Each structure stands twice: as structure tokens, then as C-alpha cells.
Protein backbone atom coordinates (compact mmCIF):
# COMPACT_ATOMS: atom_id res chain seq x y z
CA UNK A 1 -18.44 -3.65 15.18
CA UNK A 2 -18.01 -4.99 18.71
CA UNK A 3 -14.77 -6.77 19.49
CA UNK A 4 -14.76 -10.51 20.02
CA UNK A 5 -12.50 -11.00 23.00
CA UNK A 6 -10.69 -14.27 23.58
CA UNK A 7 -9.27 -14.81 27.07
CA UNK A 8 -6.11 -16.84 27.33
CA UNK A 9 -8.11 -19.70 28.79
CA UNK A 10 -9.82 -20.05 25.41
CA UNK A 11 -6.68 -21.64 24.01
CA UNK A 12 -6.12 -23.94 26.96
CA UNK A 13 -9.14 -26.25 26.91
CA UNK A 14 -9.31 -29.95 27.58
CA UNK A 15 -8.40 -32.13 24.59
CA UNK A 16 -11.18 -33.71 22.58
CA UNK A 17 -11.11 -35.66 19.34
CA UNK A 18 -14.86 -36.21 19.08
CA UNK A 19 -16.70 -35.42 15.88
CA UNK A 20 -19.09 -33.12 17.72
CA UNK A 21 -16.19 -31.11 19.14
CA UNK A 22 -14.65 -30.75 15.67
CA UNK A 23 -17.95 -29.65 14.16
CA UNK A 24 -18.39 -27.18 16.99
CA UNK A 25 -14.91 -25.79 16.31
CA UNK A 26 -15.65 -25.33 12.59
CA UNK A 27 -18.99 -23.71 13.40
CA UNK A 28 -17.24 -21.30 15.74
CA UNK A 29 -14.71 -20.43 13.04
CA UNK A 30 -17.53 -19.73 10.60
CA UNK A 31 -19.28 -17.45 13.09
CA UNK A 32 -16.10 -15.44 13.63
CA UNK A 33 -15.57 -15.10 9.87
CA UNK A 34 -19.16 -14.02 9.27
CA UNK A 35 -18.94 -11.44 12.07
CA UNK A 36 -15.56 -9.95 11.27
CA UNK A 37 -14.98 -10.41 7.53
CA UNK A 38 -18.21 -10.22 5.58
CA UNK A 39 -16.54 -9.86 2.17
CA UNK A 40 -14.21 -12.79 2.89
CA UNK A 41 -17.13 -14.83 4.19
CA UNK A 42 -19.21 -14.10 1.10
CA UNK A 43 -16.38 -15.03 -1.27
CA UNK A 44 -15.78 -18.28 0.63
CA UNK A 45 -19.35 -19.38 -0.05
CA UNK A 46 -18.32 -20.18 -3.63
CA UNK A 47 -16.00 -22.94 -2.43
CA UNK A 48 -16.87 -26.62 -1.91
CA UNK A 49 -17.80 -27.37 1.73
CA UNK A 50 -14.44 -28.86 2.79
CA UNK A 51 -12.45 -25.94 1.37
CA UNK A 52 -14.95 -23.43 2.70
CA UNK A 53 -14.58 -24.74 6.23
CA UNK A 54 -10.81 -24.63 5.91
CA UNK A 55 -10.88 -20.97 4.92
CA UNK A 56 -13.01 -20.24 7.97
CA UNK A 57 -10.52 -22.05 10.22
CA UNK A 58 -7.61 -20.07 8.78
CA UNK A 59 -9.39 -16.75 9.08
CA UNK A 60 -10.42 -17.58 12.64
CA UNK A 61 -6.76 -18.16 13.50
CA UNK A 62 -5.72 -14.83 11.98
CA UNK A 63 -8.52 -12.99 13.78
CA UNK A 64 -7.63 -14.62 17.08
CA UNK A 65 -4.01 -13.50 16.73
CA UNK A 66 -5.06 -9.97 15.79
CA UNK A 67 -7.47 -9.74 18.73
CA UNK A 68 -4.77 -10.76 21.18
CA UNK A 69 -3.28 -7.36 20.34
CA UNK A 70 -6.18 -5.13 19.37
CA UNK A 71 -8.60 -6.38 22.04
CA UNK A 72 -6.03 -6.79 24.78
CA UNK A 73 -7.69 -4.26 27.06
CA UNK A 74 -5.44 -3.44 30.01
CA UNK A 75 -3.18 -6.46 29.64
CA UNK A 76 0.48 -5.38 29.62
CA UNK A 77 2.48 -5.68 26.41
CA UNK A 78 4.71 -8.31 28.00
CA UNK A 79 1.72 -10.53 28.78
CA UNK A 80 0.47 -10.30 25.20
CA UNK A 81 3.92 -11.14 23.84
CA UNK A 82 3.92 -14.23 26.05
CA UNK A 83 0.50 -15.21 24.69
CA UNK A 84 1.71 -14.76 21.12
CA UNK A 85 4.79 -16.88 21.86
CA UNK A 86 2.57 -19.56 23.41
CA UNK A 87 0.36 -19.53 20.34
CA UNK A 88 3.41 -19.78 18.07
CA UNK A 89 4.70 -22.87 19.88
CA UNK A 90 1.29 -24.51 19.68
CA UNK A 91 0.93 -23.79 15.95
CA UNK A 92 4.41 -25.23 15.33
CA UNK A 93 3.38 -28.36 17.21
CA UNK A 94 0.15 -28.71 15.24
CA UNK A 95 1.96 -28.20 11.96
CA UNK A 96 4.46 -30.90 12.92
CA UNK A 97 1.54 -33.31 13.30
CA UNK A 98 1.44 -33.55 17.06
CA UNK A 99 -2.02 -34.15 18.57
CA UNK A 100 -4.22 -31.12 19.16
CA UNK A 101 -4.44 -30.71 22.91
CA UNK A 102 -6.60 -27.60 22.80
CA UNK A 103 -10.21 -27.71 21.72
CA UNK A 104 -9.98 -24.12 20.50
CA UNK A 105 -7.75 -25.23 17.61
CA UNK A 106 -9.40 -28.46 16.50
CA UNK A 107 -10.65 -26.92 13.25
CA UNK A 108 -7.24 -25.48 12.41
CA UNK A 109 -5.52 -28.77 13.23
CA UNK A 110 -7.97 -30.64 11.00
CA UNK A 111 -7.39 -28.13 8.19
CA UNK A 112 -3.63 -28.72 8.44
CA UNK A 113 -4.22 -32.45 8.11
CA UNK A 114 -6.39 -32.04 5.02
CA UNK A 115 -4.36 -29.37 3.21
CA UNK A 116 -0.59 -28.69 3.05
CA UNK A 117 -0.80 -25.23 4.61
CA UNK A 118 2.78 -23.91 4.93
CA UNK A 119 4.05 -22.99 8.38
CA UNK A 120 5.85 -19.76 7.51
CA UNK A 121 2.78 -17.61 6.75
CA UNK A 122 1.03 -18.91 9.88
CA UNK A 123 3.91 -17.55 11.93
CA UNK A 124 4.30 -14.40 9.82
CA UNK A 125 0.84 -13.31 10.93
CA UNK A 126 2.01 -13.38 14.55
CA UNK A 127 5.03 -11.23 13.70
CA UNK A 128 2.76 -8.81 11.89
CA UNK A 129 0.22 -8.32 14.67
CA UNK A 130 3.08 -7.98 17.18
CA UNK A 131 4.14 -4.82 15.32
CA UNK A 132 0.99 -3.16 16.70
CA UNK A 133 2.03 -3.77 20.30
CA UNK A 134 4.32 -0.75 20.15
CA UNK A 135 3.34 2.77 19.08
CA UNK A 136 2.86 2.64 15.33
CA UNK A 137 5.71 4.31 13.48
CA UNK A 138 6.00 3.68 9.74
CA UNK A 139 9.19 5.42 8.60
CA UNK A 140 8.96 4.49 4.92
CA UNK A 141 6.99 2.49 2.40
CA UNK A 142 9.29 -0.50 2.80
CA UNK A 143 8.12 -0.78 6.42
CA UNK A 144 4.48 -0.40 5.42
CA UNK A 145 4.91 -3.05 2.73
CA UNK A 146 6.49 -5.45 5.25
CA UNK A 147 3.57 -4.91 7.63
CA UNK A 148 1.03 -5.54 4.85
CA UNK A 149 2.99 -8.57 3.69
CA UNK A 150 2.98 -10.10 7.18
CA UNK A 151 -0.63 -9.48 8.20
CA UNK A 152 -2.34 -9.89 4.81
CA UNK A 153 0.01 -11.30 2.17
CA UNK A 154 0.56 -14.29 4.43
CA UNK A 155 -3.17 -15.07 4.27
CA UNK A 156 -2.87 -15.56 0.52
CA UNK A 157 -0.01 -17.99 1.07
CA UNK A 158 -2.07 -19.96 3.59
CA UNK A 159 -5.03 -20.17 1.25
CA UNK A 160 -3.13 -21.35 -1.83
CA UNK A 161 -3.16 -25.07 -0.96
CA UNK A 162 -6.78 -24.85 0.19
CA UNK A 163 -7.91 -23.26 -3.07
CA UNK A 164 -6.13 -25.98 -4.99
CA UNK A 165 -3.38 -23.90 -6.55
CA UNK A 166 -0.30 -25.94 -7.62
CA UNK A 167 2.66 -25.72 -5.28
CA UNK A 168 3.85 -22.12 -5.25
CA UNK A 169 1.46 -20.99 -8.01
CA UNK A 170 -0.43 -18.60 -5.72
CA UNK A 171 2.65 -17.22 -4.00
CA UNK A 172 3.02 -14.11 -6.16
CA UNK A 173 -0.67 -13.28 -6.74
CA UNK A 174 -1.55 -14.19 -3.15
CA UNK A 175 1.00 -11.81 -1.68
CA UNK A 176 0.19 -9.03 -4.14
CA UNK A 177 -3.53 -9.36 -3.52
CA UNK A 178 -3.06 -9.41 0.24
CA UNK A 179 -0.86 -6.31 0.16
CA UNK A 180 -3.34 -4.48 -2.09
CA UNK A 181 -6.22 -5.33 0.25
CA UNK A 182 -4.30 -4.22 3.33
CA UNK A 183 -3.29 -0.94 1.69
CA UNK A 184 -6.98 -0.43 1.01
CA UNK A 185 -7.71 -1.14 4.67
CA UNK A 186 -5.11 1.44 5.69
CA UNK A 187 -6.98 4.07 3.68
CA UNK A 188 -10.47 2.92 4.65
CA UNK A 189 -9.65 2.77 8.37
CA UNK A 190 -7.80 6.09 8.70
CA UNK A 191 -10.41 7.57 11.00
CA UNK A 192 -10.78 4.46 13.16
CA UNK A 193 -7.02 3.98 13.46
CA UNK A 194 -6.41 7.57 14.54
CA UNK A 195 -8.80 7.02 17.45
CA UNK A 196 -6.33 4.35 18.60
CA UNK A 197 -3.40 6.69 18.08
CA UNK A 198 -2.24 4.84 14.97
CA UNK A 199 -1.22 6.17 11.58
CA UNK A 200 0.02 3.67 9.00
CA UNK A 201 1.07 6.20 6.36
CA UNK A 202 4.84 6.35 5.65
CA UNK A 203 6.44 9.22 7.53
CA UNK A 204 8.80 10.02 4.67
CA UNK A 205 5.72 10.69 2.51
CA UNK A 206 4.08 12.69 5.30
CA UNK A 207 7.19 14.86 5.55
CA UNK A 208 7.25 15.47 1.81
CA UNK A 209 3.61 16.60 1.91
CA UNK A 210 3.98 18.67 5.08
CA UNK A 211 1.69 16.37 7.09
CA UNK A 212 2.37 16.04 10.83
CA UNK A 213 3.12 12.62 12.31
CA UNK A 214 0.45 13.10 14.96
CA UNK A 215 -2.56 10.99 13.85
CA UNK A 216 -5.23 13.54 14.74
CA UNK A 217 -3.27 16.39 13.18
CA UNK A 218 -2.65 14.36 10.03
CA UNK A 219 -6.39 13.88 9.38
CA UNK A 220 -6.95 17.61 8.84
CA UNK A 221 -3.64 18.44 7.13
CA UNK A 222 -3.92 19.91 3.61
CA UNK A 223 -1.26 17.52 2.34
CA UNK A 224 -3.07 14.34 3.44
CA UNK A 225 -4.77 13.76 0.03
CA UNK A 226 -1.35 13.70 -1.63
CA UNK A 227 -0.14 10.93 0.67
CA UNK A 228 -3.37 8.94 0.42
CA UNK A 229 -3.26 9.25 -3.34
CA UNK A 230 0.20 7.68 -3.42
CA UNK A 231 -0.95 4.77 -1.26
CA UNK A 232 -4.05 4.31 -3.42
CA UNK A 233 -1.96 4.26 -6.60
CA UNK A 234 0.24 1.51 -5.19
CA UNK A 235 -2.81 -0.46 -4.09
CA UNK A 236 -4.26 -0.24 -7.61
CA UNK A 237 -0.96 -1.43 -9.07
CA UNK A 238 -0.91 -4.45 -6.75
CA UNK A 239 -4.54 -5.28 -7.58
CA UNK A 240 -3.69 -5.23 -11.27
CA UNK A 241 -0.51 -7.28 -10.78
CA UNK A 242 -2.48 -9.86 -8.78
CA UNK A 243 -5.20 -9.99 -11.43
CA UNK A 244 -2.67 -10.68 -14.18
CA UNK A 245 -0.84 -13.28 -12.08
CA UNK A 246 -4.10 -15.12 -11.33
CA UNK A 247 -4.69 -15.55 -15.05
CA UNK A 248 -1.96 -18.19 -14.99
CA UNK A 249 -3.78 -20.15 -12.24
CA UNK A 250 -6.77 -22.46 -12.46
CA UNK A 251 -9.80 -20.23 -13.04
CA UNK A 252 -12.17 -22.28 -10.90
CA UNK A 253 -9.76 -22.42 -7.97
CA UNK A 254 -9.22 -18.66 -8.15
CA UNK A 255 -12.89 -17.68 -7.99
CA UNK A 256 -12.86 -16.59 -4.33
CA UNK A 257 -9.55 -14.74 -4.76
CA UNK A 258 -10.81 -12.97 -7.89
CA UNK A 259 -14.00 -11.97 -6.11
CA UNK A 260 -12.11 -10.68 -3.06
CA UNK A 261 -9.77 -8.71 -5.29
CA UNK A 262 -12.64 -7.19 -7.27
CA UNK A 263 -14.54 -6.34 -4.08
CA UNK A 264 -11.63 -4.55 -2.44
CA UNK A 265 -10.69 -2.81 -5.69
CA UNK A 266 -14.26 -1.49 -5.81
CA UNK A 267 -13.91 -0.26 -2.21
CA UNK A 268 -10.68 1.50 -3.18
CA UNK A 269 -12.42 3.15 -6.13
CA UNK A 270 -15.20 4.41 -3.84
CA UNK A 271 -12.61 5.76 -1.40
CA UNK A 272 -10.95 7.68 -4.21
CA UNK A 273 -14.29 9.10 -5.38
CA UNK A 274 -15.14 10.13 -1.81
CA UNK A 275 -11.82 11.89 -1.47
CA UNK A 276 -9.63 12.35 1.60
CA UNK A 277 -11.04 15.52 3.18
CA UNK A 278 -13.25 13.45 5.52
CA UNK A 279 -11.38 10.17 6.03
CA UNK A 280 -13.45 9.39 9.10
CA UNK A 281 -16.45 8.66 6.84
CA UNK A 282 -16.32 4.90 6.32
CA UNK A 283 -16.94 3.53 2.83
CA UNK A 284 -18.76 0.28 2.01
CA UNK A 285 -20.31 -1.30 -1.05
CA UNK A 286 -24.08 -1.32 -1.61
CA UNK A 287 -25.84 -4.67 -1.93
CA UNK A 288 -26.45 -4.28 -5.66
CA UNK A 289 -22.73 -3.86 -6.35
CA UNK A 290 -21.83 -6.90 -4.27
CA UNK A 291 -24.32 -8.98 -6.23
CA UNK A 292 -22.96 -7.67 -9.53
CA UNK A 293 -19.39 -8.50 -8.49
CA UNK A 294 -20.46 -11.98 -7.40
CA UNK A 295 -22.09 -12.64 -10.76
CA UNK A 296 -19.13 -11.34 -12.72
CA UNK A 297 -16.22 -12.76 -10.72
CA UNK A 298 -17.77 -15.66 -8.82
CA UNK A 299 -18.76 -17.58 -11.91
């Protein structure tokens, strides 16, 4: 999938409070979500319009932050850190209720006005994507968990108020679901990540299995299935923990989260059936299975 690149000027536009500008901002957020996160986009379609638009605005923010790092091209690390810091200050200002002076963030600002989205996970995402500015080195599972918690668990915390969960009710299932989904992404994207010189598997587990730290060498190491199996087992555990925790939340409000969890759990199951001898072969769900999941978990 081609990268959507956002130059720095995209977050420094002239202010506008017009309805047309706001609608344009929400439409742009929806396009980004549809392009980059098809499963998330599909699950969001089960929400009422106002909540659906808010989820698009939040995803658009997370994707923008991620692309500042992953689509930075030849921009130096220092420049990207400055852009992330600039974005952080602007998000803090929006969250404090100050006027939105950048057209790029009108949809996000409007979402913050309509729903009590907490500030901490919005900033956690920035800390998470910043971890990818340096060569990826995951010494242990605690580090991998922290990374997953920042870049994905935080999304669950943002979405809680939008979905209508009582204050704090989605904190545990939201984080667990986000971590499970990101662990699944780590396994699904092994081939793609190694092309970027990245390997998100814990080095302590690689050492135990005799797998080299070099990403390309790791892909063909005999011990790789052992390490991937451990990550998959933890992902399954977090999916199950999230599923049980969501049983204590409002069923209607949790429909998109349940559907996302079921979709990613199905992807994980397909990865395990495929095995780890050819991790560069990307796994996806066929249309019939997506429809079946939507009927079962979207109702």
C-alpha cells in the first residue's frame, strides 16, 4: 500500500471555523482510515454517524503521527523529533480547549469538544512512534509490551469515551485488545519490517532459540517458529482477556471493539496455520470470513 505523506506544512494551515472546512476535515480523516485501516474502517461503520466520524478523526491523528516517522524519507531524525514535539504542543493546546488554528486538525478538535477523549493516550502515541526513529532493538518482552501499549493500547483508551463506555470501563479491555492486535501486527508484518531493518521480536527470546538479531538472518533461522509461537500465545491470551473484560461493558457500545478483536484474532489464527517458515507471505481474511464475523460480532 502506497504511503500517504504529510509535509510539515500540512499541519500549519490558515485557521478556519467554517462548516465546510470541518466537513472537509472529517471527510479527509475518513479517506485516510479507509485507505490505511480497512478492518478498523469496516468496524467503525457499525457506529452512529457522530461516533463514526470521531473514530475516523482519532485514527487519522494516529496515522499522521506514525507517518511522520515511517514516511519521513530523507528528513533527519532531529527534524522529525521537532515535528513530533510541535504536534504534541498543538494537541495539548487543543485538549485544553484553545481554538484550533490549523485546518488540518479541525476534525480532531471537534471530536475533543464532543467527547471527553483523555490527553495521555494522545501523547502516548507520539512516544510510541518516536521509538521507531532509532534502530529497533527490543531487548525483552517488557519493552515489546511497552511499545504495543503506546502505539496500540492507547488507541483503545482514546476510543472508550467515543464508544460510550463509562469512565474507565474500557481501560483494561482497550489496552489488552490494542496490545493483542499490535502483537498480531508484529507477526503479520515480519517480512515487511525486515525490509526496513526492523525486528520487533524480543532479543532474549531470540537468544534462547538461537535466532540472530539481524532481521534478514532471523527470517530464515530454524528457531524463528519457536519465538513467533511465544508471541502468538501471548496475543491469544490478550485477545481472550479483552473478550472477557468487554463482557462487563455495554454490549451495544462494544460492537466495534468486539468485531475488531474477532477480526484480528482470526488473522492470528490464519498466521498460525500458515506457519513461520515463510513469514514474508502476508495473510489476510477472505471476504466471506469478514462478512461472517460482521454478522456474528457486529450485531
